[in-house]
């Protein structure tokens, strides 16, 4: 049975493990969203740095700017369960009609949520929408380049059918009912959970699209997951 969801609410799920230096910029970008109706679900995967304290301090400093339609839930996990386990935990806690993913070391354009929600409302046949993004390095944060591997329309399904990948995980926003139908990412494929989740959506006959506009900013640094698992930069 499909759960009741709050109409218009976007549940922004952030998973985090030892990303304390980047959390303020990440959270500021969500506080500054033009779309007003959101909740942040911050799942800390038993970080060993001061991530939890950074979020608590940020919340204390910014709580007064929240409207009645905005909230932040901080969930520090008692032990490390890995990326997919933490992400699925956040998805289960999401109350929104829509669920957005946000990586804790990146940040979003101020109009990201508004434009993606409007896209899904204007295209009821689409269940999940991503976007293009710009990437930058810690050393030169002002130098940004637009990604070139994102695909659109019918090409998305063809790419995944051939074992490829063309949706940036941190950019996705989807109907909460899609999670209710298919569940979260697998815990069996370390490093490829985002790929497997999109494939699971497609196998459930969900329609997926990317918007070509840059609505997300992807940080390259030595400890990011993609570099740890794949040993290469994505651009």
C-alpha atoms as a PDB file:
ATOM      1  CA  UNK A   1       0.000   0.000   0.000  1.00  0.00           C
ATOM      2  CA  UNK A   2       1.390   3.392  -1.011  1.00  0.00           C
ATOM      3  CA  UNK A   3       2.130   5.656   1.928  1.00  0.00           C
ATOM      4  CA  UNK A   4       0.550   9.071   2.392  1.00  0.00           C
ATOM      5  CA  UNK A   5       2.881  11.857   1.280  1.00  0.00           C
ATOM      6  CA  UNK A   6       2.779  15.616   1.848  1.00  0.00           C
ATOM      7  CA  UNK A   7       1.729  17.275  -1.394  1.00  0.00           C
ATOM      8  CA  UNK A   8       4.259  19.749  -2.744  1.00  0.00           C
ATOM      9  CA  UNK A   9       6.914  18.877  -0.171  1.00  0.00           C
ATOM     10  CA  UNK A  10      10.428  18.065  -1.403  1.00  0.00           C
ATOM     11  CA  UNK A  11      12.364  15.756   0.912  1.00  0.00           C
ATOM     12  CA  UNK A  12      16.078  16.451   0.334  1.00  0.00           C
ATOM     13  CA  UNK A  13      18.121  13.438   1.419  1.00  0.00           C
ATOM     14  CA  UNK A  14      21.788  14.031   2.232  1.00  0.00           C
ATOM     15  CA  UNK A  15      24.113  11.210   3.241  1.00  0.00           C
ATOM     16  CA  UNK A  16      27.444  12.097   4.768  1.00  0.00           C
ATOM     17  CA  UNK A  17      30.648  10.478   5.876  1.00  0.00           C
ATOM     18  CA  UNK A  18      33.509  12.755   6.947  1.00  0.00           C
ATOM     19  CA  UNK A  19      32.691  15.752   4.750  1.00  0.00           C
ATOM     20  CA  UNK A  20      32.737  18.405   7.468  1.00  0.00           C
ATOM     21  CA  UNK A  21      34.655  21.064   5.448  1.00  0.00           C
ATOM     22  CA  UNK A  22      31.943  21.141   2.756  1.00  0.00           C
ATOM     23  CA  UNK A  23      28.743  20.944   4.766  1.00  0.00           C
ATOM     24  CA  UNK A  24      28.096  24.640   5.334  1.00  0.00           C
ATOM     25  CA  UNK A  25      28.241  25.422   1.602  1.00  0.00           C
ATOM     26  CA  UNK A  26      26.018  22.427   0.848  1.00  0.00           C
ATOM     27  CA  UNK A  27      23.385  23.390   3.424  1.00  0.00           C
ATOM     28  CA  UNK A  28      23.503  27.089   2.534  1.00  0.00           C
ATOM     29  CA  UNK A  29      22.647  26.202  -1.059  1.00  0.00           C
ATOM     30  CA  UNK A  30      19.510  24.411   0.137  1.00  0.00           C
ATOM     31  CA  UNK A  31      18.465  27.153   2.522  1.00  0.00           C
ATOM     32  CA  UNK A  32      18.687  29.574  -0.413  1.00  0.00           C
ATOM     33  CA  UNK A  33      16.407  27.566  -2.705  1.00  0.00           C
ATOM     34  CA  UNK A  34      13.675  29.526  -4.435  1.00  0.00           C
ATOM     35  CA  UNK A  35      11.307  26.586  -3.888  1.00  0.00           C
ATOM     36  CA  UNK A  36       9.908  27.161  -0.393  1.00  0.00           C
ATOM     37  CA  UNK A  37       8.445  23.805   0.686  1.00  0.00           C
ATOM     38  CA  UNK A  38      11.183  21.384   1.739  1.00  0.00           C
ATOM     39  CA  UNK A  39      12.575  19.203   4.459  1.00  0.00           C
ATOM     40  CA  UNK A  40      16.225  18.202   4.753  1.00  0.00           C
ATOM     41  CA  UNK A  41      16.959  14.696   5.995  1.00  0.00           C
ATOM     42  CA  UNK A  42      20.652  14.573   6.878  1.00  0.00           C
ATOM     43  CA  UNK A  43      21.894  11.034   7.514  1.00  0.00           C
ATOM     44  CA  UNK A  44      25.389  10.954   8.982  1.00  0.00           C
ATOM     45  CA  UNK A  45      26.971   7.546   8.443  1.00  0.00           C
ATOM     46  CA  UNK A  46      28.938   7.414  11.713  1.00  0.00           C
ATOM     47  CA  UNK A  47      31.455  10.076  10.675  1.00  0.00           C
ATOM     48  CA  UNK A  48      34.732  10.204  12.602  1.00  0.00           C
ATOM     49  CA  UNK A  49      35.243  13.931  11.988  1.00  0.00           C
ATOM     50  CA  UNK A  50      33.127  16.785  13.373  1.00  0.00           C
ATOM     51  CA  UNK A  51      30.398  16.566  10.703  1.00  0.00           C
ATOM     52  CA  UNK A  52      27.557  16.221  13.201  1.00  0.00           C
ATOM     53  CA  UNK A  53      28.760  19.223  15.188  1.00  0.00           C
ATOM     54  CA  UNK A  54      29.001  21.304  11.976  1.00  0.00           C
ATOM     55  CA  UNK A  55      25.392  20.489  11.090  1.00  0.00           C
ATOM     56  CA  UNK A  56      24.197  21.181  14.634  1.00  0.00           C
ATOM     57  CA  UNK A  57      25.983  24.539  14.623  1.00  0.00           C
ATOM     58  CA  UNK A  58      24.614  25.413  11.180  1.00  0.00           C
ATOM     59  CA  UNK A  59      21.085  24.575  12.313  1.00  0.00           C
ATOM     60  CA  UNK A  60      21.451  26.679  15.447  1.00  0.00           C
ATOM     61  CA  UNK A  61      22.629  29.644  13.377  1.00  0.00           C
ATOM     62  CA  UNK A  62      20.022  29.345  10.624  1.00  0.00           C
ATOM     63  CA  UNK A  63      16.915  27.900  12.275  1.00  0.00           C
ATOM     64  CA  UNK A  64      15.431  31.385  12.538  1.00  0.00           C
ATOM     65  CA  UNK A  65      15.381  31.675   8.732  1.00  0.00           C
ATOM     66  CA  UNK A  66      13.249  28.532   8.306  1.00  0.00           C
ATOM     67  CA  UNK A  67       9.609  29.018   7.396  1.00  0.00           C
ATOM     68  CA  UNK A  68       6.889  26.717   8.803  1.00  0.00           C
ATOM     69  CA  UNK A  69       7.243  24.719   5.539  1.00  0.00           C
ATOM     70  CA  UNK A  70      10.928  23.986   6.137  1.00  0.00           C
ATOM     71  CA  UNK A  71      12.749  21.647   8.507  1.00  0.00           C
ATOM     72  CA  UNK A  72      15.970  19.716   9.023  1.00  0.00           C
ATOM     73  CA  UNK A  73      16.191  16.268  10.580  1.00  0.00           C
ATOM     74  CA  UNK A  74      19.707  15.222  11.622  1.00  0.00           C
ATOM     75  CA  UNK A  75      20.126  11.470  12.024  1.00  0.00           C
ATOM     76  CA  UNK A  76      23.570  10.321  13.247  1.00  0.00           C
ATOM     77  CA  UNK A  77      23.787   6.562  12.656  1.00  0.00           C
ATOM     78  CA  UNK A  78      25.356   4.554  15.510  1.00  0.00           C
ATOM     79  CA  UNK A  79      27.539   2.579  13.098  1.00  0.00           C
ATOM     80  CA  UNK A  80      28.680   2.911   9.513  1.00  0.00           C
ATOM     81  CA  UNK A  81      26.247   1.165   7.145  1.00  0.00           C
ATOM     82  CA  UNK A  82      27.668   2.411   3.841  1.00  0.00           C
ATOM     83  CA  UNK A  83      26.333   4.762   1.207  1.00  0.00           C
ATOM     84  CA  UNK A  84      23.329   2.761   0.027  1.00  0.00           C
ATOM     85  CA  UNK A  85      22.235   1.869   3.553  1.00  0.00           C
ATOM     86  CA  UNK A  86      22.395   5.492   4.671  1.00  0.00           C
ATOM     87  CA  UNK A  87      20.620   6.695   1.534  1.00  0.00           C
ATOM     88  CA  UNK A  88      17.789   4.187   1.868  1.00  0.00           C
ATOM     89  CA  UNK A  89      17.385   5.190   5.513  1.00  0.00           C
ATOM     90  CA  UNK A  90      16.889   8.770   4.358  1.00  0.00           C
ATOM     91  CA  UNK A  91      14.434   7.715   1.675  1.00  0.00           C
ATOM     92  CA  UNK A  92      12.350   5.831   4.253  1.00  0.00           C
ATOM     93  CA  UNK A  93      12.170   8.957   6.423  1.00  0.00           C
ATOM     94  CA  UNK A  94      11.121  11.185   3.512  1.00  0.00           C
ATOM     95  CA  UNK A  95       7.578  12.558   3.796  1.00  0.00           C
ATOM     96  CA  UNK A  96       7.511  14.518   0.551  1.00  0.00           C
ATOM     97  CA  UNK A  97       5.597  14.104  -2.650  1.00  0.00           C
ATOM     98  CA  UNK A  98       9.065  14.481  -4.169  1.00  0.00           C
ATOM     99  CA  UNK A  99      12.470  13.220  -3.046  1.00  0.00           C
ATOM    100  CA  UNK A 100      15.714  14.952  -4.044  1.00  0.00           C
ATOM    101  CA  UNK A 101      19.250  13.682  -3.572  1.00  0.00           C
ATOM    102  CA  UNK A 102      22.052  16.026  -2.551  1.00  0.00           C
ATOM    103  CA  UNK A 103      25.639  14.893  -2.016  1.00  0.00           C
ATOM    104  CA  UNK A 104      27.188  16.474   1.052  1.00  0.00           C
ATOM    105  CA  UNK A 105      30.347  17.698  -0.710  1.00  0.00           C
ATOM    106  CA  UNK A 106      28.466  19.430  -3.555  1.00  0.00           C
ATOM    107  CA  UNK A 107      25.962  22.281  -3.747  1.00  0.00           C
ATOM    108  CA  UNK A 108      22.838  23.133  -5.727  1.00  0.00           C
ATOM    109  CA  UNK A 109      21.773  26.085  -7.842  1.00  0.00           C
ATOM    110  CA  UNK A 110      19.197  28.272  -6.019  1.00  0.00           C
ATOM    111  CA  UNK A 111      16.502  27.377  -8.580  1.00  0.00           C
ATOM    112  CA  UNK A 112      17.245  23.648  -8.739  1.00  0.00           C
ATOM    113  CA  UNK A 113      14.250  22.373  -6.768  1.00  0.00           C
ATOM    114  CA  UNK A 114      11.795  24.825  -8.306  1.00  0.00           C
ATOM    115  CA  UNK A 115      12.793  23.941 -11.860  1.00  0.00           C
ATOM    116  CA  UNK A 116      12.857  20.184 -11.312  1.00  0.00           C
ATOM    117  CA  UNK A 117       9.514  20.102  -9.494  1.00  0.00           C
ATOM    118  CA  UNK A 118       7.954  22.226 -12.236  1.00  0.00           C
ATOM    119  CA  UNK A 119       9.409  19.885 -14.848  1.00  0.00           C
ATOM    120  CA  UNK A 120       7.760  16.859 -13.230  1.00  0.00           C
ATOM    121  CA  UNK A 121       4.473  18.740 -12.919  1.00  0.00           C
ATOM    122  CA  UNK A 122       4.635  19.755 -16.576  1.00  0.00           C
ATOM    123  CA  UNK A 123       5.582  16.216 -17.683  1.00  0.00           C
ATOM    124  CA  UNK A 124       3.413  13.784 -15.695  1.00  0.00           C
ATOM    125  CA  UNK A 125       4.752  10.850 -17.721  1.00  0.00           C
ATOM    126  CA  UNK A 126       8.223  11.390 -16.175  1.00  0.00           C
ATOM    127  CA  UNK A 127       8.928   9.903 -12.734  1.00  0.00           C
ATOM    128  CA  UNK A 128      12.549  10.997 -12.218  1.00  0.00           C
ATOM    129  CA  UNK A 129      14.472  14.016 -13.476  1.00  0.00           C
ATOM    130  CA  UNK A 130      18.160  14.846 -13.250  1.00  0.00           C
ATOM    131  CA  UNK A 131      20.067  17.783 -14.679  1.00  0.00           C
ATOM    132  CA  UNK A 132      23.356  18.719 -16.170  1.00  0.00           C
ATOM    133  CA  UNK A 133      25.985  19.996 -13.752  1.00  0.00           C
ATOM    134  CA  UNK A 134      29.240  21.917 -13.579  1.00  0.00           C
ATOM    135  CA  UNK A 135      32.307  20.495 -11.892  1.00  0.00           C
ATOM    136  CA  UNK A 136      35.149  22.248 -10.105  1.00  0.00           C
ATOM    137  CA  UNK A 137      38.174  21.404  -7.988  1.00  0.00           C
ATOM    138  CA  UNK A 138      38.934  22.315  -4.408  1.00  0.00           C
ATOM    139  CA  UNK A 139      42.027  24.113  -5.632  1.00  0.00           C
ATOM    140  CA  UNK A 140      40.154  26.313  -8.124  1.00  0.00           C
ATOM    141  CA  UNK A 141      36.511  26.575  -7.003  1.00  0.00           C
ATOM    142  CA  UNK A 142      35.818  29.535  -9.294  1.00  0.00           C
ATOM    143  CA  UNK A 143      36.779  27.566 -12.408  1.00  0.00           C
ATOM    144  CA  UNK A 144      33.786  25.486 -13.466  1.00  0.00           C
ATOM    145  CA  UNK A 145      33.258  23.285 -16.504  1.00  0.00           C
ATOM    146  CA  UNK A 146      30.009  21.796 -17.749  1.00  0.00           C
ATOM    147  CA  UNK A 147      29.739  18.003 -17.826  1.00  0.00           C
ATOM    148  CA  UNK A 148      29.634  16.361 -21.241  1.00  0.00           C
ATOM    149  CA  UNK A 149      28.447  12.805 -20.469  1.00  0.00           C
ATOM    150  CA  UNK A 150      24.817  13.547 -19.520  1.00  0.00           C
ATOM    151  CA  UNK A 151      22.246  12.205 -22.019  1.00  0.00           C
ATOM    152  CA  UNK A 152      18.627  13.095 -22.762  1.00  0.00           C
ATOM    153  CA  UNK A 153      15.334  11.626 -23.948  1.00  0.00           C
ATOM    154  CA  UNK A 154      15.223   8.109 -25.366  1.00  0.00           C
ATOM    155  CA  UNK A 155      19.016   7.956 -25.347  1.00  0.00           C
ATOM    156  CA  UNK A 156      18.993   7.524 -21.548  1.00  0.00           C
ATOM    157  CA  UNK A 157      17.352   4.091 -21.668  1.00  0.00           C
ATOM    158  CA  UNK A 158      19.632   3.026 -24.533  1.00  0.00           C
ATOM    159  CA  UNK A 159      22.761   3.994 -22.608  1.00  0.00           C
ATOM    160  CA  UNK A 160      21.735   1.976 -19.556  1.00  0.00           C
ATOM    161  CA  UNK A 161      20.652  -0.989 -21.677  1.00  0.00           C
ATOM    162  CA  UNK A 162      24.232  -1.079 -22.972  1.00  0.00           C
ATOM    163  CA  UNK A 163      25.761  -0.884 -19.496  1.00  0.00           C
ATOM    164  CA  UNK A 164      26.486   2.833 -19.614  1.00  0.00           C
ATOM    165  CA  UNK A 165      25.670   5.629 -17.171  1.00  0.00           C
ATOM    166  CA  UNK A 166      24.314   9.091 -18.030  1.00  0.00           C
ATOM    167  CA  UNK A 167      22.406  10.450 -14.991  1.00  0.00           C
ATOM    168  CA  UNK A 168      24.347  12.263 -12.255  1.00  0.00           C
ATOM    169  CA  UNK A 169      23.188  10.876  -8.924  1.00  0.00           C
ATOM    170  CA  UNK A 170      23.423  14.116  -6.963  1.00  0.00           C
ATOM    171  CA  UNK A 171      21.094  15.885  -9.396  1.00  0.00           C
ATOM    172  CA  UNK A 172      18.090  13.572  -9.242  1.00  0.00           C
ATOM    173  CA  UNK A 173      14.610  14.476  -8.020  1.00  0.00           C
ATOM    174  CA  UNK A 174      11.781  11.952  -8.257  1.00  0.00           C
ATOM    175  CA  UNK A 175       8.276  11.140  -7.122  1.00  0.00           C
ATOM    176  CA  UNK A 176       8.202   9.638  -3.648  1.00  0.00           C
ATOM    177  CA  UNK A 177       5.796   7.058  -5.011  1.00  0.00           C
ATOM    178  CA  UNK A 178       8.645   5.698  -7.154  1.00  0.00           C
ATOM    179  CA  UNK A 179      10.631   4.831  -4.027  1.00  0.00           C
ATOM    180  CA  UNK A 180       7.490   3.301  -2.514  1.00  0.00           C
ATOM    181  CA  UNK A 181       7.306   1.079  -5.582  1.00  0.00           C
ATOM    182  CA  UNK A 182      10.933  -0.025  -6.065  1.00  0.00           C
ATOM    183  CA  UNK A 183      12.797   0.711  -2.821  1.00  0.00           C
ATOM    184  CA  UNK A 184      16.282   2.144  -2.515  1.00  0.00           C
ATOM    185  CA  UNK A 185      19.662   1.282  -4.036  1.00  0.00           C
ATOM    186  CA  UNK A 186      21.295  -2.086  -3.513  1.00  0.00           C
ATOM    187  CA  UNK A 187      23.914  -2.739  -0.844  1.00  0.00           C
ATOM    188  CA  UNK A 188      25.454  -5.527  -2.928  1.00  0.00           C
ATOM    189  CA  UNK A 189      27.381  -3.413  -5.459  1.00  0.00           C
ATOM    190  CA  UNK A 190      29.850  -1.129  -3.715  1.00  0.00           C
ATOM    191  CA  UNK A 191      30.531   1.991  -5.768  1.00  0.00           C
ATOM    192  CA  UNK A 192      27.809   1.374  -8.361  1.00  0.00           C
ATOM    193  CA  UNK A 193      24.735   1.988  -6.229  1.00  0.00           C
ATOM    194  CA  UNK A 194      23.684   5.074  -8.193  1.00  0.00           C
ATOM    195  CA  UNK A 195      23.931   3.185 -11.495  1.00  0.00           C
ATOM    196  CA  UNK A 196      21.917   0.273 -10.109  1.00  0.00           C
ATOM    197  CA  UNK A 197      19.183   2.578  -8.779  1.00  0.00           C
ATOM    198  CA  UNK A 198      18.621   4.130 -12.215  1.00  0.00           C
ATOM    199  CA  UNK A 199      18.556   0.675 -13.812  1.00  0.00           C
ATOM    200  CA  UNK A 200      16.011  -0.424 -11.213  1.00  0.00           C
ATOM    201  CA  UNK A 201      13.848   2.580 -12.105  1.00  0.00           C
ATOM    202  CA  UNK A 202      14.041   1.769 -15.816  1.00  0.00           C
ATOM    203  CA  UNK A 203      13.267  -1.897 -15.204  1.00  0.00           C
ATOM    204  CA  UNK A 204      10.117  -0.760 -13.366  1.00  0.00           C
ATOM    205  CA  UNK A 205       9.121   1.129 -16.552  1.00  0.00           C
ATOM    206  CA  UNK A 206       9.736   4.503 -14.932  1.00  0.00           C
ATOM    207  CA  UNK A 207      10.376   7.336 -17.380  1.00  0.00           C
ATOM    208  CA  UNK A 208      13.579   9.309 -16.748  1.00  0.00           C
ATOM    209  CA  UNK A 209      14.797  12.598 -18.162  1.00  0.00           C
ATOM    210  CA  UNK A 210      17.627  15.060 -17.644  1.00  0.00           C
ATOM    211  CA  UNK A 211      17.246  18.787 -18.114  1.00  0.00           C
ATOM    212  CA  UNK A 212      20.203  20.351 -19.958  1.00  0.00           C
ATOM    213  CA  UNK A 213      20.477  23.329 -17.639  1.00  0.00           C
ATOM    214  CA  UNK A 214      23.257  23.316 -15.024  1.00  0.00           C
ATOM    215  CA  UNK A 215      21.446  23.096 -11.679  1.00  0.00           C
ATOM    216  CA  UNK A 216      24.151  21.397  -9.606  1.00  0.00           C
ATOM    217  CA  UNK A 217      27.815  21.934  -8.761  1.00  0.00           C
ATOM    218  CA  UNK A 218      30.038  18.881  -8.345  1.00  0.00           C
ATOM    219  CA  UNK A 219      33.205  19.143  -6.284  1.00  0.00           C
ATOM    220  CA  UNK A 220      36.308  17.190  -7.201  1.00  0.00           C
ATOM    221  CA  UNK A 221      38.576  16.295  -4.311  1.00  0.00           C
ATOM    222  CA  UNK A 222      40.882  13.492  -3.267  1.00  0.00           C
ATOM    223  CA  UNK A 223      38.406  11.713  -0.968  1.00  0.00           C
ATOM    224  CA  UNK A 224      35.288  11.702  -3.164  1.00  0.00           C
ATOM    225  CA  UNK A 225      33.551   8.361  -3.662  1.00  0.00           C
ATOM    226  CA  UNK A 226      33.871   8.257  -7.457  1.00  0.00           C
ATOM    227  CA  UNK A 227      37.632   8.686  -7.268  1.00  0.00           C
ATOM    228  CA  UNK A 228      37.994   6.065  -4.543  1.00  0.00           C
ATOM    229  CA  UNK A 229      35.984   3.454  -6.480  1.00  0.00           C
ATOM    230  CA  UNK A 230      36.888   4.263 -10.054  1.00  0.00           C
ATOM    231  CA  UNK A 231      40.197   6.089  -9.801  1.00  0.00           C
ATOM    232  CA  UNK A 232      39.169   8.682 -12.366  1.00  0.00           C
ATOM    233  CA  UNK A 233      37.544  12.063 -12.701  1.00  0.00           C
ATOM    234  CA  UNK A 234      34.103  12.499 -14.224  1.00  0.00           C
ATOM    235  CA  UNK A 235      33.473  15.472 -16.450  1.00  0.00           C
END
